[in-house]
N, C-alpha and C. Protein backbone atom coordinates (compact mmCIF):
# COMPACT_ATOMS: atom_id res chain seq x y z
N MET A 1 42.97 -31.29 9.51
CA MET A 1 42.11 -30.12 9.63
C MET A 1 40.78 -30.57 10.24
N THR A 2 40.40 -29.89 11.32
CA THR A 2 39.18 -30.27 12.02
C THR A 2 37.95 -29.68 11.34
N ILE A 3 36.81 -30.18 11.74
CA ILE A 3 35.56 -29.67 11.19
C ILE A 3 35.34 -28.21 11.60
N GLU A 4 35.82 -27.87 12.80
CA GLU A 4 35.69 -26.49 13.27
C GLU A 4 36.49 -25.54 12.39
N ALA A 5 37.68 -25.93 12.00
CA ALA A 5 38.51 -25.08 11.14
C ALA A 5 37.89 -24.92 9.76
N VAL A 6 37.29 -26.00 9.25
CA VAL A 6 36.64 -25.92 7.93
C VAL A 6 35.44 -24.98 8.00
N LEU A 7 34.64 -25.11 9.05
CA LEU A 7 33.47 -24.23 9.21
C LEU A 7 33.88 -22.77 9.36
N ILE A 8 34.92 -22.53 10.12
CA ILE A 8 35.39 -21.15 10.31
C ILE A 8 35.88 -20.57 8.98
N ALA A 9 36.58 -21.36 8.20
CA ALA A 9 37.05 -20.89 6.90
C ALA A 9 35.88 -20.62 5.95
N LEU A 10 34.89 -21.51 5.96
CA LEU A 10 33.73 -21.33 5.10
C LEU A 10 32.92 -20.09 5.49
N ILE A 11 32.70 -19.92 6.78
CA ILE A 11 31.94 -18.76 7.25
C ILE A 11 32.72 -17.48 6.99
N SER A 12 34.03 -17.52 7.14
CA SER A 12 34.85 -16.34 6.84
C SER A 12 34.74 -15.96 5.37
N ALA A 13 34.73 -16.94 4.50
CA ALA A 13 34.59 -16.65 3.06
C ALA A 13 33.23 -16.03 2.75
N VAL A 14 32.17 -16.54 3.38
CA VAL A 14 30.83 -15.99 3.16
C VAL A 14 30.78 -14.54 3.65
N PHE A 15 31.32 -14.28 4.83
CA PHE A 15 31.34 -12.91 5.35
C PHE A 15 32.18 -11.99 4.46
N ALA A 16 33.28 -12.49 3.92
CA ALA A 16 34.13 -11.67 3.05
C ALA A 16 33.38 -11.28 1.77
N VAL A 17 32.67 -12.25 1.18
CA VAL A 17 31.90 -11.94 -0.03
C VAL A 17 30.78 -10.95 0.29
N ALA A 18 30.08 -11.15 1.40
CA ALA A 18 29.01 -10.23 1.78
C ALA A 18 29.54 -8.83 2.05
N ALA A 19 30.70 -8.74 2.69
CA ALA A 19 31.30 -7.43 2.96
C ALA A 19 31.71 -6.75 1.66
N LEU A 20 32.25 -7.51 0.73
CA LEU A 20 32.62 -6.96 -0.56
C LEU A 20 31.40 -6.41 -1.30
N LEU A 21 30.29 -7.17 -1.27
CA LEU A 21 29.06 -6.70 -1.92
C LEU A 21 28.52 -5.44 -1.24
N ALA A 22 28.62 -5.37 0.09
CA ALA A 22 28.16 -4.18 0.81
C ALA A 22 29.03 -2.97 0.47
N ILE A 23 30.32 -3.18 0.34
CA ILE A 23 31.22 -2.08 -0.03
C ILE A 23 30.93 -1.60 -1.45
N ILE A 24 30.64 -2.53 -2.35
CA ILE A 24 30.28 -2.14 -3.72
C ILE A 24 29.01 -1.31 -3.71
N ARG A 25 28.01 -1.71 -2.90
CA ARG A 25 26.77 -0.93 -2.81
C ARG A 25 27.03 0.45 -2.21
N MET A 26 27.96 0.54 -1.27
CA MET A 26 28.29 1.84 -0.69
C MET A 26 28.92 2.75 -1.73
N ILE A 27 29.74 2.19 -2.61
CA ILE A 27 30.41 3.00 -3.63
C ILE A 27 29.45 3.39 -4.75
N LYS A 28 28.67 2.44 -5.23
CA LYS A 28 27.80 2.69 -6.38
C LYS A 28 26.55 3.50 -6.03
N GLY A 29 26.00 3.30 -4.86
CA GLY A 29 24.79 4.03 -4.51
C GLY A 29 23.54 3.34 -5.00
N PRO A 30 22.70 3.96 -5.76
CA PRO A 30 22.76 5.28 -6.37
C PRO A 30 22.31 6.40 -5.44
N SER A 31 21.57 6.09 -4.37
CA SER A 31 21.11 7.15 -3.49
C SER A 31 21.83 7.09 -2.15
N ILE A 32 21.65 8.11 -1.37
CA ILE A 32 22.27 8.16 -0.05
C ILE A 32 21.66 7.10 0.86
N LEU A 33 20.39 6.78 0.63
CA LEU A 33 19.75 5.75 1.45
C LEU A 33 20.34 4.37 1.16
N ASP A 34 20.69 4.11 -0.10
CA ASP A 34 21.36 2.84 -0.43
C ASP A 34 22.72 2.76 0.25
N ARG A 35 23.42 3.86 0.26
CA ARG A 35 24.74 3.88 0.92
C ARG A 35 24.61 3.70 2.42
N ALA A 36 23.60 4.33 3.02
CA ALA A 36 23.39 4.19 4.46
C ALA A 36 23.02 2.75 4.82
N LEU A 37 22.18 2.14 4.00
CA LEU A 37 21.80 0.75 4.25
C LEU A 37 23.00 -0.17 4.11
N ALA A 38 23.83 0.07 3.11
CA ALA A 38 25.04 -0.75 2.92
C ALA A 38 26.00 -0.60 4.10
N SER A 39 26.12 0.62 4.62
CA SER A 39 27.01 0.81 5.78
C SER A 39 26.44 0.12 7.01
N ASP A 40 25.11 0.12 7.17
CA ASP A 40 24.50 -0.62 8.28
C ASP A 40 24.76 -2.11 8.15
N VAL A 41 24.64 -2.63 6.94
CA VAL A 41 24.90 -4.06 6.71
C VAL A 41 26.36 -4.38 7.03
N LEU A 42 27.26 -3.53 6.59
CA LEU A 42 28.68 -3.76 6.84
C LEU A 42 28.99 -3.72 8.34
N LEU A 43 28.44 -2.74 9.04
CA LEU A 43 28.66 -2.67 10.48
C LEU A 43 28.07 -3.88 11.19
N THR A 44 26.92 -4.34 10.73
CA THR A 44 26.31 -5.52 11.33
C THR A 44 27.17 -6.75 11.10
N MET A 45 27.75 -6.86 9.93
CA MET A 45 28.63 -8.00 9.66
C MET A 45 29.89 -7.94 10.52
N VAL A 46 30.43 -6.76 10.73
CA VAL A 46 31.60 -6.61 11.60
C VAL A 46 31.23 -7.04 13.02
N LEU A 47 30.03 -6.64 13.46
CA LEU A 47 29.57 -7.06 14.79
C LEU A 47 29.44 -8.57 14.88
N CYS A 48 28.91 -9.19 13.84
CA CYS A 48 28.77 -10.65 13.84
C CYS A 48 30.13 -11.35 13.89
N VAL A 49 31.08 -10.84 13.12
CA VAL A 49 32.41 -11.44 13.11
C VAL A 49 33.08 -11.28 14.48
N LEU A 50 32.97 -10.10 15.05
CA LEU A 50 33.57 -9.89 16.38
C LEU A 50 32.88 -10.75 17.43
N GLY A 51 31.56 -10.88 17.34
CA GLY A 51 30.82 -11.73 18.28
C GLY A 51 31.21 -13.19 18.14
N ALA A 52 31.34 -13.64 16.88
CA ALA A 52 31.76 -15.03 16.66
C ALA A 52 33.17 -15.26 17.18
N ASP A 53 34.05 -14.30 16.95
CA ASP A 53 35.42 -14.42 17.45
C ASP A 53 35.44 -14.48 18.97
N ALA A 54 34.62 -13.65 19.60
CA ALA A 54 34.56 -13.65 21.06
C ALA A 54 34.01 -14.98 21.58
N ALA A 55 33.03 -15.55 20.89
CA ALA A 55 32.45 -16.81 21.34
C ALA A 55 33.41 -17.98 21.11
N ILE A 56 34.07 -17.99 19.94
CA ILE A 56 34.97 -19.10 19.63
C ILE A 56 36.18 -19.11 20.55
N ASN A 57 36.75 -17.92 20.79
CA ASN A 57 37.97 -17.82 21.61
C ASN A 57 37.69 -17.55 23.08
N GLU A 58 36.41 -17.53 23.45
CA GLU A 58 35.99 -17.31 24.84
C GLU A 58 36.61 -16.04 25.42
N ARG A 59 36.45 -14.94 24.69
CA ARG A 59 36.98 -13.65 25.14
C ARG A 59 35.83 -12.66 25.31
N THR A 60 36.02 -11.75 26.24
CA THR A 60 35.01 -10.71 26.44
C THR A 60 35.58 -9.31 26.20
N ASP A 61 36.85 -9.22 25.84
CA ASP A 61 37.45 -7.90 25.68
C ASP A 61 36.97 -7.18 24.41
N THR A 62 36.28 -7.88 23.51
CA THR A 62 35.76 -7.21 22.31
C THR A 62 34.38 -6.61 22.53
N LEU A 63 33.77 -6.85 23.68
CA LEU A 63 32.43 -6.32 23.94
C LEU A 63 32.35 -4.79 23.88
N PRO A 64 33.28 -4.05 24.51
CA PRO A 64 33.20 -2.59 24.38
C PRO A 64 33.33 -2.10 22.93
N VAL A 65 34.17 -2.78 22.17
CA VAL A 65 34.32 -2.41 20.75
C VAL A 65 33.01 -2.66 20.02
N MET A 66 32.37 -3.79 20.30
CA MET A 66 31.09 -4.11 19.66
C MET A 66 30.02 -3.09 20.03
N LEU A 67 30.00 -2.66 21.27
CA LEU A 67 29.01 -1.66 21.69
C LEU A 67 29.24 -0.32 20.99
N MET A 68 30.48 0.07 20.83
CA MET A 68 30.78 1.33 20.14
C MET A 68 30.41 1.25 18.65
N ILE A 69 30.66 0.11 18.03
CA ILE A 69 30.29 -0.06 16.62
C ILE A 69 28.77 0.00 16.46
N ALA A 70 28.06 -0.64 17.38
CA ALA A 70 26.59 -0.62 17.32
C ALA A 70 26.06 0.79 17.51
N ALA A 71 26.63 1.52 18.46
CA ALA A 71 26.18 2.90 18.69
C ALA A 71 26.48 3.79 17.48
N THR A 72 27.64 3.58 16.87
CA THR A 72 27.99 4.35 15.67
C THR A 72 27.00 4.06 14.55
N GLY A 73 26.63 2.82 14.38
CA GLY A 73 25.67 2.46 13.34
C GLY A 73 24.31 3.10 13.57
N VAL A 74 23.83 3.06 14.80
CA VAL A 74 22.52 3.67 15.11
C VAL A 74 22.56 5.17 14.90
N LEU A 75 23.58 5.83 15.42
CA LEU A 75 23.66 7.28 15.28
C LEU A 75 23.83 7.70 13.82
N GLY A 76 24.59 6.91 13.06
CA GLY A 76 24.75 7.22 11.64
C GLY A 76 23.45 7.08 10.88
N THR A 77 22.68 6.06 11.19
CA THR A 77 21.39 5.86 10.54
C THR A 77 20.43 7.00 10.86
N VAL A 78 20.39 7.41 12.11
CA VAL A 78 19.52 8.52 12.50
C VAL A 78 19.95 9.81 11.80
N ALA A 79 21.24 10.05 11.72
CA ALA A 79 21.74 11.26 11.06
C ALA A 79 21.37 11.29 9.58
N VAL A 80 21.53 10.16 8.91
CA VAL A 80 21.17 10.11 7.48
C VAL A 80 19.67 10.30 7.30
N ALA A 81 18.87 9.67 8.16
CA ALA A 81 17.42 9.82 8.05
C ALA A 81 16.99 11.27 8.26
N ARG A 82 17.60 11.95 9.22
CA ARG A 82 17.27 13.37 9.44
C ARG A 82 17.71 14.22 8.26
N PHE A 83 18.86 13.92 7.69
CA PHE A 83 19.35 14.66 6.53
C PHE A 83 18.40 14.51 5.35
N VAL A 84 17.98 13.29 5.09
CA VAL A 84 17.07 13.05 3.97
C VAL A 84 15.73 13.71 4.22
N ALA A 85 15.23 13.66 5.45
CA ALA A 85 13.96 14.29 5.76
C ALA A 85 14.04 15.81 5.58
N ARG A 86 15.11 16.42 6.02
CA ARG A 86 15.27 17.87 5.84
C ARG A 86 15.40 18.23 4.37
N ARG A 87 16.15 17.43 3.62
CA ARG A 87 16.32 17.70 2.20
C ARG A 87 14.98 17.59 1.47
N ASP A 88 14.19 16.59 1.80
CA ASP A 88 12.89 16.44 1.16
C ASP A 88 11.96 17.59 1.53
N ARG A 89 12.02 18.03 2.77
CA ARG A 89 11.17 19.12 3.20
C ARG A 89 11.56 20.43 2.52
N SER A 90 12.87 20.65 2.31
CA SER A 90 13.30 21.89 1.67
C SER A 90 12.98 21.90 0.18
N ASP A 91 12.86 20.71 -0.43
CA ASP A 91 12.48 20.62 -1.84
C ASP A 91 10.99 20.80 -2.04
N GLY A 92 10.22 20.80 -0.96
CA GLY A 92 8.78 20.89 -1.09
C GLY A 92 8.14 19.55 -1.38
N THR A 93 8.89 18.48 -1.26
CA THR A 93 8.35 17.16 -1.52
C THR A 93 8.28 16.37 -0.22
N GLU A 94 7.71 16.98 0.78
CA GLU A 94 7.63 16.33 2.08
C GLU A 94 6.81 15.05 1.96
N ALA A 95 7.36 13.99 2.49
CA ALA A 95 6.67 12.71 2.42
C ALA A 95 5.49 12.73 3.38
N ARG A 96 4.34 12.36 2.85
CA ARG A 96 3.15 12.30 3.67
C ARG A 96 2.64 10.87 3.69
N GLY A 97 1.82 10.59 4.66
CA GLY A 97 1.26 9.26 4.76
C GLY A 97 0.17 9.04 3.74
N PRO A 98 -0.28 7.79 3.57
CA PRO A 98 -1.31 7.50 2.58
C PRO A 98 -2.63 8.18 2.90
N ARG A 99 -2.92 8.39 4.17
CA ARG A 99 -4.17 9.06 4.53
C ARG A 99 -4.16 10.52 4.06
N ASP A 100 -3.01 11.19 4.19
CA ASP A 100 -2.91 12.56 3.72
C ASP A 100 -3.06 12.63 2.21
N ARG A 101 -2.48 11.68 1.49
CA ARG A 101 -2.59 11.69 0.03
C ARG A 101 -4.03 11.46 -0.39
N ASP A 102 -4.76 10.55 0.27
CA ASP A 102 -6.14 10.29 -0.08
C ASP A 102 -7.00 11.53 0.15
N ASP A 103 -6.74 12.24 1.25
CA ASP A 103 -7.53 13.44 1.55
C ASP A 103 -7.26 14.53 0.54
N ALA A 104 -6.00 14.65 0.11
CA ALA A 104 -5.66 15.71 -0.83
C ALA A 104 -6.26 15.41 -2.20
N GLU A 105 -6.38 14.13 -2.55
CA GLU A 105 -6.90 13.78 -3.87
C GLU A 105 -8.41 13.70 -3.90
N ALA A 106 -9.04 13.47 -2.74
CA ALA A 106 -10.49 13.32 -2.71
C ALA A 106 -11.16 14.67 -2.89
N PRO A 107 -12.34 14.68 -3.53
CA PRO A 107 -13.06 15.95 -3.64
C PRO A 107 -13.43 16.45 -2.27
N GLY A 108 -13.19 17.68 -2.02
CA GLY A 108 -13.49 18.25 -0.73
C GLY A 108 -12.30 18.30 0.19
N GLY A 109 -11.17 17.73 -0.22
CA GLY A 109 -9.93 17.81 0.55
C GLY A 109 -10.03 17.16 1.89
N ALA A 110 -9.61 17.86 2.94
CA ALA A 110 -9.54 17.29 4.28
C ALA A 110 -10.90 17.14 4.93
N ALA A 111 -11.95 17.62 4.31
CA ALA A 111 -13.28 17.48 4.89
C ALA A 111 -13.69 16.03 4.98
N ASN A 112 -13.08 15.17 4.21
CA ASN A 112 -13.46 13.77 4.20
C ASN A 112 -12.61 12.93 5.13
N SER A 113 -11.75 13.52 5.92
CA SER A 113 -10.76 12.75 6.67
C SER A 113 -11.37 11.87 7.74
N GLY A 114 -12.56 12.15 8.22
CA GLY A 114 -13.11 11.35 9.30
C GLY A 114 -14.11 10.32 8.85
N THR A 115 -14.30 10.09 7.59
CA THR A 115 -15.33 9.17 7.14
C THR A 115 -14.73 8.03 6.35
N ARG A 116 -15.48 6.98 6.22
CA ARG A 116 -15.03 5.80 5.46
C ARG A 116 -15.32 6.00 3.99
N GLY A 117 -14.36 5.68 3.16
CA GLY A 117 -14.59 5.68 1.73
C GLY A 117 -14.80 7.04 1.12
N GLY A 118 -14.50 8.11 1.82
CA GLY A 118 -14.64 9.45 1.27
C GLY A 118 -16.05 9.98 1.30
N ALA A 119 -17.01 9.28 1.90
CA ALA A 119 -18.38 9.76 1.95
C ALA A 119 -18.52 10.76 3.08
N VAL A 120 -19.24 11.83 2.82
CA VAL A 120 -19.46 12.86 3.82
C VAL A 120 -20.77 12.57 4.51
N ALA A 121 -20.77 12.54 5.85
CA ALA A 121 -21.98 12.27 6.60
C ALA A 121 -22.86 13.51 6.62
N GLU A 122 -24.13 13.32 6.36
CA GLU A 122 -25.08 14.42 6.40
C GLU A 122 -25.84 14.36 7.71
N PRO A 123 -25.92 15.46 8.47
CA PRO A 123 -26.70 15.45 9.70
C PRO A 123 -28.18 15.35 9.39
N THR A 124 -28.95 14.72 10.29
CA THR A 124 -30.38 14.53 10.07
C THR A 124 -31.19 15.72 10.54
N GLY A 125 -30.58 16.66 11.18
CA GLY A 125 -31.29 17.87 11.58
C GLY A 125 -31.59 17.94 13.05
N SER A 126 -31.37 16.87 13.82
CA SER A 126 -31.68 16.92 15.24
C SER A 126 -30.60 17.66 16.02
N GLY A 127 -29.43 17.83 15.41
CA GLY A 127 -28.36 18.57 16.06
C GLY A 127 -27.53 17.71 16.99
N ALA A 128 -27.86 16.45 17.14
CA ALA A 128 -27.08 15.57 18.02
C ALA A 128 -25.77 15.23 17.35
N ALA A 129 -24.72 15.11 18.16
CA ALA A 129 -23.40 14.81 17.60
C ALA A 129 -23.38 13.42 16.97
N SER A 130 -24.18 12.49 17.49
CA SER A 130 -24.16 11.14 16.93
C SER A 130 -24.79 11.09 15.55
N ASP A 131 -25.60 12.07 15.19
CA ASP A 131 -26.21 12.09 13.86
C ASP A 131 -25.18 12.38 12.78
N ALA A 132 -24.11 13.12 13.11
CA ALA A 132 -23.13 13.53 12.11
C ALA A 132 -22.09 12.44 11.83
N VAL A 133 -22.04 11.40 12.67
CA VAL A 133 -21.04 10.36 12.50
C VAL A 133 -21.72 9.13 11.92
N PRO A 134 -21.27 8.63 10.77
CA PRO A 134 -21.89 7.44 10.21
C PRO A 134 -21.57 6.22 11.07
N GLU A 135 -22.53 5.31 11.16
CA GLU A 135 -22.33 4.13 11.98
C GLU A 135 -21.49 3.11 11.23
N HIS A 136 -20.55 2.52 11.95
CA HIS A 136 -19.69 1.50 11.36
C HIS A 136 -20.52 0.24 11.13
N PRO A 137 -20.31 -0.47 10.02
CA PRO A 137 -21.12 -1.66 9.73
C PRO A 137 -21.02 -2.74 10.79
N ASP A 138 -19.93 -2.79 11.53
CA ASP A 138 -19.76 -3.82 12.56
C ASP A 138 -20.09 -3.31 13.96
N ALA A 139 -20.78 -2.18 14.07
CA ALA A 139 -21.02 -1.56 15.37
C ALA A 139 -22.14 -2.23 16.15
N GLY A 140 -22.92 -3.13 15.55
CA GLY A 140 -23.95 -3.82 16.28
C GLY A 140 -25.32 -3.21 16.09
N GLY A 141 -25.45 -2.19 15.34
CA GLY A 141 -26.74 -1.56 15.07
C GLY A 141 -27.47 -2.29 13.97
N PRO A 142 -28.53 -1.68 13.44
CA PRO A 142 -29.26 -2.34 12.36
C PRO A 142 -28.37 -2.53 11.15
N ASP A 143 -28.58 -3.64 10.43
CA ASP A 143 -27.75 -3.87 9.25
C ASP A 143 -28.23 -3.01 8.08
N ARG A 144 -27.59 -3.15 6.94
CA ARG A 144 -27.90 -2.29 5.81
C ARG A 144 -29.28 -2.55 5.23
N ASN A 145 -29.85 -3.70 5.51
CA ASN A 145 -31.18 -4.02 5.00
C ASN A 145 -32.29 -3.52 5.92
N GLY A 146 -31.94 -2.88 7.03
CA GLY A 146 -32.92 -2.33 7.95
C GLY A 146 -33.32 -3.27 9.06
N GLY A 147 -32.85 -4.48 9.07
CA GLY A 147 -33.20 -5.44 10.09
C GLY A 147 -32.27 -5.34 11.28
N ALA A 148 -32.66 -5.86 12.42
CA ALA A 148 -31.82 -5.85 13.61
C ALA A 148 -30.84 -7.01 13.52
N ARG A 149 -29.72 -6.89 14.18
CA ARG A 149 -28.70 -7.94 14.19
C ARG A 149 -28.97 -8.94 15.26
């Protein structure tokens, strides 16, 4: 038995165990996202096995099959993501980014969305647009102690 045959047997065993674990995750769940991730892992492992087979046996006839499996995996992932997004939106639990959550929790709601740390800029009365925007500490203007940089 050559070293190549031993390596192929060892790698095949590792892929078999990984595929079994992915199938168990697909069956158990608990959520649809866990099942979708497990199916992506399984499809990726099938692609790796087909790619290794093509490389070892110097064949190119498995390339179209590999492309179709990859396309199926991508389209399946997009379909599941859209399904979950629609389901969340219909439940009224639309996922928002951290910036939206901070604005909703901060006093004044979305009025604080353009400022740092939730502080509201007060205009100085000159009416200039630059008066309403607080200066960033790294902008090169005077520092907080009133001195020039």
